[in-house]
Protein backbone atom coordinates (compact mmCIF):
# COMPACT_ATOMS: atom_id res chain seq x y z
CA MET A 1 -21.69 -24.32 -15.55
CA LYS A 2 -23.98 -23.76 -12.97
CA LEU A 3 -23.77 -20.28 -11.47
CA LEU A 4 -23.36 -19.80 -7.57
CA GLU A 5 -26.73 -19.27 -6.04
CA SER A 6 -26.62 -17.16 -2.88
CA LYS A 7 -28.24 -18.48 0.42
CA ALA A 8 -27.67 -15.15 2.44
CA LYS A 9 -30.75 -13.07 3.27
CA PHE A 10 -30.34 -9.57 2.29
CA ARG A 11 -31.76 -6.54 4.41
CA LYS A 12 -31.06 -3.13 4.40
CA VAL A 13 -28.21 -2.38 6.72
CA HIS A 14 -25.98 0.66 7.07
CA SER A 15 -22.49 -1.04 7.21
CA ASN A 16 -19.34 0.60 8.83
CA ILE A 17 -17.37 -1.10 6.50
CA ASN A 18 -16.16 2.22 4.98
CA PRO A 19 -12.60 3.78 4.18
CA TYR A 20 -13.73 7.02 6.12
CA PHE A 21 -14.70 5.27 9.20
CA PHE A 22 -11.86 3.06 9.18
CA PHE A 23 -9.59 6.14 8.90
CA VAL A 24 -11.16 7.74 11.72
CA ILE A 25 -10.98 4.56 14.28
CA THR A 26 -7.55 3.70 13.59
CA PHE A 27 -5.97 7.01 14.02
CA LEU A 28 -8.17 7.66 17.05
CA ILE A 29 -7.12 4.26 18.55
CA THR A 30 -3.41 5.15 17.76
CA VAL A 31 -3.83 8.56 19.19
CA VAL A 32 -5.49 6.99 22.51
CA LEU A 33 -2.71 4.59 22.79
CA TYR A 34 -0.14 7.18 22.36
CA SER A 35 -1.51 9.09 25.27
CA PHE A 36 -1.05 6.15 27.68
CA ASP A 37 2.55 7.47 27.59
CA PHE A 38 4.29 4.07 27.94
CA SER A 39 7.33 4.87 26.19
CA GLU A 40 9.91 7.66 26.46
CA PHE A 41 9.70 8.14 22.61
CA ASN A 42 6.34 9.34 22.96
CA VAL A 43 6.80 12.67 24.13
CA PRO A 44 3.83 15.51 23.45
CA LEU A 45 2.70 15.53 19.94
CA GLY A 46 2.68 19.39 19.35
CA ALA A 47 -0.09 21.87 18.16
CA LYS A 48 0.77 21.24 14.63
CA VAL A 49 0.31 17.49 14.50
CA ILE A 50 -2.65 17.42 16.99
CA SER A 51 -4.55 20.19 14.80
CA PHE A 52 -3.89 18.09 11.49
CA LEU A 53 -4.99 14.92 13.17
CA ILE A 54 -8.14 16.81 14.72
CA ILE A 55 -9.14 18.22 10.99
CA ALA A 56 -8.14 14.88 9.31
CA MET A 57 -10.31 12.62 11.39
CA ALA A 58 -13.04 15.56 11.51
CA LEU A 59 -13.13 15.58 7.67
CA ASN A 60 -13.30 11.98 7.22
CA PHE A 61 -15.96 11.57 9.85
CA ILE A 62 -18.22 13.83 7.80
CA LEU A 63 -17.92 12.05 4.65
CA TYR A 64 -18.40 8.60 6.44
CA LEU A 65 -21.78 10.10 7.50
CA LEU A 66 -22.54 11.62 4.00
CA PHE A 67 -21.64 8.32 1.99
CA ARG A 68 -22.44 5.45 4.46
CA LYS A 69 -26.07 4.86 3.30
CA ARG A 70 -25.25 4.91 -0.10
CA TRP A 71 -22.26 2.77 -0.18
CA SER A 72 -23.84 0.02 2.06
CA GLU A 73 -26.72 -0.22 -0.47
CA ALA A 74 -24.31 -0.70 -3.01
CA ALA A 75 -22.59 -3.40 -1.32
CA VAL A 76 -25.55 -5.25 -0.24
CA ASN A 77 -26.47 -5.28 -3.94
CA ALA A 78 -23.15 -6.52 -4.89
CA GLN A 79 -23.49 -9.41 -2.43
CA LYS A 80 -26.59 -10.58 -4.38
CA ASN A 81 -24.94 -10.48 -7.56
CA ASN A 82 -22.17 -12.53 -6.22
CA GLY A 83 -19.58 -11.84 -9.25
CA GLY A 84 -21.50 -14.55 -11.37
CA GLN A 85 -18.33 -16.78 -11.20
CA SER A 86 -18.74 -20.37 -10.90
CA VAL A 87 -16.62 -22.57 -8.42
CA ASN A 88 -14.84 -24.24 -11.52
CA THR A 89 -13.72 -20.91 -12.65
CA TYR A 90 -11.85 -20.24 -9.18
CA THR A 91 -10.40 -23.39 -9.24
CA LEU A 92 -9.04 -23.12 -12.72
CA TRP A 93 -7.44 -19.54 -11.95
CA ALA A 94 -6.09 -21.05 -8.87
CA ILE A 95 -4.53 -23.84 -10.60
CA VAL A 96 -2.98 -21.12 -13.15
CA PHE A 97 -1.60 -18.80 -10.25
CA LEU A 98 -0.10 -22.04 -8.67
CA GLY A 99 1.70 -23.08 -11.95
CA LEU A 100 2.93 -19.24 -12.05
CA GLY A 101 4.18 -19.69 -8.44
CA ILE A 102 6.23 -22.88 -9.39
CA ALA A 103 7.54 -21.11 -12.20
CA ASP A 104 8.74 -18.26 -9.89
CA VAL A 105 10.72 -21.03 -7.82
CA LEU A 106 12.33 -22.50 -10.80
CA TYR A 107 13.37 -19.10 -11.90
CA SER A 108 14.74 -18.03 -8.70
CA HIS A 109 16.40 -21.40 -7.85
CA GLY A 110 14.44 -21.50 -4.76
CA MET A 111 12.03 -19.84 -2.46
CA PRO A 112 12.34 -17.48 0.42
CA LEU A 113 9.88 -19.73 2.34
CA LEU A 114 13.16 -22.07 2.89
CA GLY A 115 15.63 -19.35 3.16
CA GLN A 116 17.10 -20.02 -0.22
CA VAL A 117 16.61 -16.59 -1.80
CA ASN A 118 15.92 -13.29 -0.59
CA TYR A 119 12.23 -12.23 -0.94
CA LYS A 120 13.09 -9.02 -2.60
CA GLU A 121 14.96 -10.93 -5.35
CA TYR A 122 12.38 -13.65 -5.86
CA GLY A 123 10.29 -14.27 -8.94
CA PHE A 124 9.90 -13.05 -12.41
CA PRO A 125 10.40 -9.43 -12.81
CA THR A 126 6.72 -7.70 -13.53
CA LEU A 127 5.23 -10.85 -13.75
CA HIS A 128 5.39 -11.65 -10.03
CA VAL A 129 3.84 -8.65 -8.80
CA LEU A 130 1.22 -9.09 -11.51
CA MET A 131 0.55 -12.57 -10.20
CA VAL A 132 0.49 -11.58 -6.47
CA VAL A 133 -1.95 -8.89 -7.24
CA CYS A 134 -4.49 -11.10 -9.21
CA ASP A 135 -3.89 -14.13 -6.76
CA SER A 136 -4.97 -11.97 -3.48
CA PHE A 137 -7.86 -10.70 -5.38
CA LEU A 138 -8.78 -14.20 -6.46
CA LEU A 139 -8.73 -15.53 -2.64
CA LEU A 140 -10.87 -12.60 -1.66
CA SER A 141 -13.41 -13.45 -4.20
CA ILE A 142 -13.52 -17.08 -2.91
CA ALA A 143 -13.91 -16.00 0.36
CA LYS A 144 -16.79 -13.74 -0.39
CA THR A 145 -18.49 -16.75 -2.32
CA TYR A 146 -17.78 -18.99 0.60
CA PHE A 147 -19.57 -16.66 2.97
CA LEU A 148 -22.54 -16.24 0.67
CA THR A 149 -23.39 -19.73 -0.36
CA ASN A 150 -23.48 -23.37 0.81
CA VAL A 151 -22.49 -24.56 -2.95
CA ARG A 152 -19.56 -26.80 -3.22
CA ARG A 153 -17.86 -25.22 -0.10
CA VAL A 154 -15.17 -28.05 0.23
CA GLN A 155 -14.04 -27.13 -3.47
CA LEU A 156 -13.78 -23.90 -2.29
CA LEU A 157 -11.77 -24.38 0.45
CA PHE A 158 -9.48 -26.59 -1.68
CA THR A 159 -9.37 -23.80 -4.20
CA ALA A 160 -8.31 -21.26 -1.71
CA ALA A 161 -5.39 -23.68 -0.35
CA ILE A 162 -4.04 -23.81 -3.78
CA ALA A 163 -4.26 -20.18 -4.52
CA LEU A 164 -2.50 -19.62 -1.29
CA LEU A 165 0.26 -21.63 -1.96
CA PRO A 166 1.90 -18.97 -4.23
CA LEU A 167 1.90 -16.48 -1.78
CA VAL A 168 3.49 -18.82 0.70
CA PHE A 169 6.23 -19.91 -1.46
CA GLY A 170 7.15 -16.11 -1.66
CA LEU A 171 6.85 -15.59 2.20
CA SER A 172 4.45 -12.66 1.22
CA ARG A 173 3.79 -12.32 4.85
CA GLY A 174 2.53 -8.47 4.68
CA THR A 175 0.41 -9.68 1.69
CA ILE A 176 -0.96 -12.42 3.56
CA VAL A 177 -1.63 -10.23 6.72
CA ILE A 178 -3.45 -7.75 4.44
CA LEU A 179 -5.49 -10.60 2.65
CA LEU A 180 -6.52 -11.71 6.07
CA LEU A 181 -7.67 -8.18 7.29
CA SER A 182 -9.82 -7.80 3.92
CA ILE A 183 -11.33 -11.10 4.28
CA LEU A 184 -12.29 -10.32 7.96
CA MET A 185 -13.89 -7.23 6.53
CA ILE A 186 -15.91 -9.14 3.79
CA PHE A 187 -17.00 -11.54 6.85
CA LEU A 188 -18.41 -8.54 8.89
CA LEU A 189 -19.76 -7.25 5.86
CA THR A 190 -22.00 -10.21 4.99
CA PHE A 191 -22.60 -11.23 8.77
CA GLN A 192 -23.22 -7.78 10.55
CA LYS A 193 -26.65 -8.61 11.32
CA LYS A 194 -25.77 -11.96 12.71
CA ILE A 195 -22.85 -11.02 15.08
CA THR A 196 -24.24 -11.36 18.74
CA ILE A 197 -22.65 -10.07 21.76
CA LYS A 198 -21.26 -13.32 22.44
CA LEU A 199 -19.86 -13.83 19.04
CA ALA A 200 -18.18 -10.47 19.48
CA LEU A 201 -16.70 -11.46 22.48
CA ILE A 202 -15.24 -14.42 21.16
CA ILE A 203 -13.78 -12.44 18.15
CA GLY A 204 -12.29 -9.83 21.01
CA LEU A 205 -10.91 -12.68 22.76
CA LEU A 206 -9.37 -14.42 19.59
CA LEU A 207 -8.12 -10.59 18.73
CA ALA A 208 -6.33 -10.40 22.21
CA PHE A 209 -4.88 -13.96 21.85
CA GLY A 210 -3.82 -12.88 18.25
CA LEU A 211 -1.91 -9.95 19.73
CA TYR A 212 -0.36 -11.75 22.35
CA LEU A 213 1.03 -14.28 19.96
CA PHE A 214 2.32 -11.66 18.17
CA GLY A 215 4.67 -10.41 21.05
CA ILE A 216 5.49 -13.98 21.63
CA THR A 217 6.87 -14.53 18.14
CA GLY A 218 8.46 -11.14 18.32
CA ASN A 219 10.14 -12.20 21.42
CA TYR A 220 11.44 -15.60 19.86
CA ARG A 221 12.73 -13.78 16.52
CA MET A 222 14.37 -10.62 18.56
CA ASN A 223 15.97 -13.24 20.94
CA HIS A 224 17.30 -15.41 18.24
CA ASP A 225 18.61 -12.40 16.41
CA TYR A 226 20.35 -11.17 19.50
CA GLY A 227 21.48 -14.49 20.76
CA ARG A 228 19.45 -13.71 23.97
CA VAL A 229 18.21 -16.94 25.92
CA GLU A 230 15.29 -15.95 28.19
CA ASN A 231 11.52 -16.86 28.67
CA LEU A 232 9.53 -15.86 25.85
CA THR A 233 6.99 -14.08 27.92
CA GLU A 234 9.87 -11.63 29.38
CA SER A 235 9.90 -9.45 26.60
CA SER A 236 13.48 -7.57 28.01
CA LEU A 237 14.62 -6.85 24.62
CA ILE A 238 11.48 -5.13 23.02
CA LEU A 239 11.01 -3.05 26.41
CA SER A 240 14.81 -1.72 26.14
CA ILE A 241 14.70 -0.89 22.61
CA GLY A 242 11.05 0.48 22.74
CA LYS A 243 12.02 2.57 25.89
CA ALA A 244 9.33 1.31 28.12
CA ASN A 245 9.02 3.36 31.11
CA ASN A 246 7.94 2.49 34.63
CA LYS A 247 4.47 3.30 33.86
CA PHE A 248 4.06 0.16 31.54
CA THR A 249 6.50 -2.04 33.44
CA SER A 250 4.45 -1.69 36.75
CA SER A 251 1.23 -1.63 35.34
CA GLY A 252 0.42 -5.20 35.18
CA ILE A 253 0.05 -5.58 31.46
CA PRO A 254 1.44 -8.83 30.35
CA LYS A 255 4.93 -7.80 28.74
CA PRO A 256 4.44 -9.16 25.22
CA PHE A 257 1.41 -6.72 24.56
CA TYR A 258 4.35 -4.00 24.47
CA TRP A 259 5.02 -5.11 20.87
CA THR A 260 1.43 -4.07 19.79
CA TYR A 261 1.72 -1.12 21.58
CA ILE A 262 4.97 0.16 20.29
CA TYR A 263 4.22 -1.02 16.60
CA ALA A 264 0.80 1.00 16.96
CA THR A 265 2.34 4.32 18.33
CA SER A 266 5.82 4.23 16.73
CA PRO A 267 4.61 5.52 13.25
CA ILE A 268 2.84 8.64 14.67
CA ALA A 269 5.98 9.14 17.02
CA ASN A 270 8.24 9.26 13.85
CA PHE A 271 5.68 11.45 11.97
CA ARG A 272 5.93 13.87 14.80
CA TYR A 273 9.67 13.76 15.00
CA ASN A 274 9.93 14.50 11.12
CA THR A 275 7.94 17.69 11.83
CA GLU A 276 10.40 18.62 14.42
CA VAL A 277 13.84 17.79 13.11
CA SER A 278 13.00 19.02 9.33
CA ASN A 279 11.54 21.50 7.50
CA PRO A 280 11.53 20.62 3.90
CA GLN A 281 10.92 23.66 1.56
CA VAL A 282 8.48 23.64 -1.24
CA ASN A 283 10.38 22.93 -4.35
CA THR A 284 8.63 22.62 -7.84
CA ALA A 285 11.24 20.70 -9.25
CA ASN A 286 10.15 17.48 -7.20
CA VAL A 287 6.66 17.98 -7.29
CA SER A 288 6.46 15.33 -10.14
CA GLU A 289 8.42 12.90 -8.03
CA PHE A 290 6.14 13.79 -5.00
CA LEU A 291 2.89 12.91 -7.18
CA VAL A 292 4.38 9.89 -8.54
CA THR A 293 5.89 8.28 -5.51
CA ASN A 294 2.73 9.02 -3.10
CA PHE A 295 -0.26 8.30 -5.34
CA LEU A 296 0.94 5.50 -7.75
CA PRO A 297 1.69 2.00 -6.85
CA ASP A 298 5.70 1.47 -6.12
CA PHE A 299 5.60 -1.11 -8.93
CA ILE A 300 5.78 2.16 -11.20
CA SER A 301 7.38 4.89 -8.99
CA LYS A 302 10.54 2.56 -8.08
CA ARG A 303 10.88 2.57 -11.76
CA VAL A 304 10.35 6.03 -12.63
CA PHE A 305 12.40 7.20 -9.52
CA PRO A 306 14.61 4.20 -8.52
CA THR A 307 16.60 6.30 -5.65
CA TYR A 308 13.37 8.30 -4.10
CA GLU A 309 13.53 5.94 -0.68
CA ASP A 310 17.17 7.02 -0.07
CA ASP A 311 16.55 10.87 -1.39
CA TYR A 312 13.46 11.25 0.83
CA ARG A 313 14.17 8.90 3.73
CA ALA A 314 12.41 9.91 6.84
CA TRP A 315 14.00 10.41 10.07
CA LEU A 316 13.30 7.70 12.74
CA MET A 317 13.16 7.81 16.44
CA THR A 318 15.15 4.68 16.36
CA ASN A 319 16.38 2.22 13.57
CA GLU A 320 14.28 -0.60 14.60
CA PHE A 321 11.06 0.99 14.29
CA THR A 322 10.63 2.07 10.65
CA VAL A 323 6.91 2.89 9.99
CA THR A 324 6.20 6.19 9.74
CA THR A 325 2.49 6.71 8.83
CA ALA A 326 1.03 7.52 5.35
CA PHE A 327 1.72 11.28 5.89
CA THR A 328 5.58 11.09 6.50
CA LEU A 329 6.72 10.66 3.06
CA PRO A 330 4.69 13.66 1.80
CA TYR A 331 6.24 15.81 4.60
CA THR A 332 9.83 14.83 3.54
CA PHE A 333 9.03 16.07 0.08
CA LEU A 334 7.23 19.34 0.38
CA GLY A 335 6.56 19.76 4.21
CA TRP A 336 3.19 20.63 5.64
CA MET A 337 1.95 21.42 1.95
CA GLY A 338 2.55 17.80 0.97
CA VAL A 339 0.78 16.41 4.16
CA TYR A 340 -2.56 18.61 3.35
CA ILE A 341 -2.12 17.63 -0.44
CA PHE A 342 -2.07 14.01 0.24
CA LEU A 343 -5.03 14.64 2.85
CA ILE A 344 -7.15 16.27 0.17
CA TYR A 345 -6.29 13.50 -2.13
CA SER A 346 -7.27 10.44 0.22
CA LEU A 347 -10.40 12.30 0.92
CA VAL A 348 -11.42 12.84 -2.64
CA PHE A 349 -10.28 9.52 -4.01
CA PRO A 350 -12.86 7.06 -2.35
CA ILE A 351 -15.80 9.18 -3.93
CA VAL A 352 -14.30 9.19 -7.37
CA TYR A 353 -13.32 5.49 -7.21
CA LEU A 354 -16.42 4.19 -5.79
CA GLU A 355 -18.62 5.91 -7.80
CA LEU A 356 -17.14 4.76 -10.79
CA ILE A 357 -17.38 1.29 -9.42
CA ARG A 358 -21.12 1.77 -8.93
CA LYS A 359 -21.60 3.00 -12.34
CA PHE A 360 -19.12 0.54 -14.19
CA SER A 361 -18.67 -2.43 -11.87
CA PRO A 362 -21.48 -2.55 -9.69
CA GLY A 363 -21.20 -6.21 -8.99
CA TYR A 364 -17.96 -6.06 -7.41
CA PHE A 365 -18.69 -2.96 -5.44
CA ASP A 366 -18.33 -4.79 -1.93
CA LEU A 367 -14.99 -6.03 -2.85
CA ALA A 368 -13.86 -2.54 -4.13
CA LEU A 369 -15.19 -1.34 -0.55
CA VAL A 370 -13.30 -3.75 1.27
CA LEU A 371 -10.09 -3.33 -0.68
CA LEU A 372 -10.30 0.72 -0.20
CA SER A 373 -11.02 0.21 3.42
CA THR A 374 -8.20 -1.97 3.97
CA ILE A 375 -5.69 0.80 2.58
CA TYR A 376 -7.14 3.28 5.00
CA ILE A 377 -7.18 1.10 8.11
CA LEU A 378 -3.55 0.93 7.40
CA MET A 379 -3.08 4.40 7.05
CA PRO A 380 -1.44 5.06 10.55
CA PHE A 381 1.21 2.80 9.76
CA SER A 382 2.43 3.46 5.81
CA ASN A 383 0.82 4.66 2.52
CA PHE A 384 -0.72 1.66 1.10
CA PHE A 385 -1.71 3.53 -2.15
CA SER A 386 1.96 2.98 -3.38
CA PHE A 387 1.96 -0.78 -2.09
CA SER A 388 1.47 -2.41 -5.40
CA ALA A 389 0.17 -5.77 -4.11
CA LEU A 390 -2.96 -3.94 -2.62
CA SER A 391 -3.38 -0.77 -4.50
CA MET A 392 -3.46 -2.39 -7.90
CA GLN A 393 -6.14 -4.78 -6.95
CA LEU A 394 -8.36 -1.71 -7.17
CA PHE A 395 -8.19 -1.91 -11.10
CA LEU A 396 -9.55 -5.60 -11.06
CA PRO A 397 -13.09 -5.02 -10.31
CA PHE A 398 -13.32 -3.00 -13.52
CA ILE A 399 -11.37 -5.90 -15.49
CA CYS A 400 -13.42 -8.32 -14.16
CA SER A 401 -16.74 -6.60 -14.95
CA LEU A 402 -15.85 -6.04 -18.45
CA PHE A 403 -15.05 -9.54 -18.68
CA SER A 404 -18.54 -10.60 -17.17
CA ARG A 405 -20.35 -8.18 -19.80
CA ARG A 406 -18.40 -9.79 -22.47
CA ARG A 407 -19.18 -13.21 -21.06
CA ASP A 408 -22.87 -12.34 -20.70
CA ALA A 409 -23.30 -10.79 -23.96
CA LYS A 410 -21.69 -14.02 -25.84
CA ARG A 411 -24.38 -16.15 -23.97
CA ASN A 412 -27.16 -14.10 -24.99
CA TYR A 413 -26.03 -13.95 -28.52
CA GLU A 414 -25.66 -17.77 -28.53
CA ARG A 415 -29.00 -18.24 -26.91
CA GLU A 416 -30.58 -16.10 -29.73
CA GLU A 417 -28.85 -18.30 -32.33
CA THR A 418 -30.35 -21.01 -30.85
CA ASP A 419 -33.70 -19.92 -30.80
């Protein structure tokens, strides 16, 4: 099979696609939005929370500066390699995953997309999770190849459509959103030098439109759930539930944007709330549960400790907003000690993981960097180290690299035998 040949011109560039960079940016944006004080929920964060956020962002920024050049160069070299996969290989795997997706539908006697079965009960146990993980990684690999080459692009798009169907069957909205975010970062990593001011403005306008549409669809869903009949731009329910104050309602900002505001700021509001209403004590008896549930995929932790979500449920400002940042669950276990242990882990993990990728799977460094950056860009909302559909993809660069080496070794052996 003819291997893909990259058409991209690679130049030395220090990319901002970096987990530490995204940690700083997303938490900074969250804190700035919180400071606008558009909701009655957003009371002062308090000295302990502010001190922690300053320390966390400062340490992440230092590590970003230290590793930016090294990891950027490794990502560029990985894009030169392009994984060595053929388009036909992608298509074959997409068909395999589509077959597994259809098997999930038959096993579950329906699909969540059509409301025939609950998405939590959908699919073969264990196998469905593995399929979603591998299928998501396949789609990310296809996107990378599409951006880097002009070879058989129609087939690549067709292959991507096939691979996307199993995720659509399962109504994996969170997985699809995370996938789109990762693909956007692959795009930025590939075309960073080609992004003009005009293109940046277009991307910004599209983002603003997307956020406005997010609010409109949120209004539609909430109006339907509460039996409310009103113009979709009114946003009266979310303004009420989110306790919007006069500062927002009189600001002139289109009301549907309040969905974005409250979703961005309610996690840190919930984190602050937990630090005020509870004071967990360090208990050596639950250390093992703390380690498993915070640092391993929930695919594992939910089987080892099936009741941990109820046993360590976070306090919420209101039941409608359940997102609580990556640091809230560690706090419910061990208080501030748990928060700082998780912070240390989040500082050390990229160094260990990405350096292992550089050594053992250099051809997949860019995909590994993007996946890890996706986890960190979402930390203000939840701990995605424990979200199996994303975190388990971190293992796949090692596995793919192993198969690539075995394939290359076989080709070399066959070539020697022929000679």
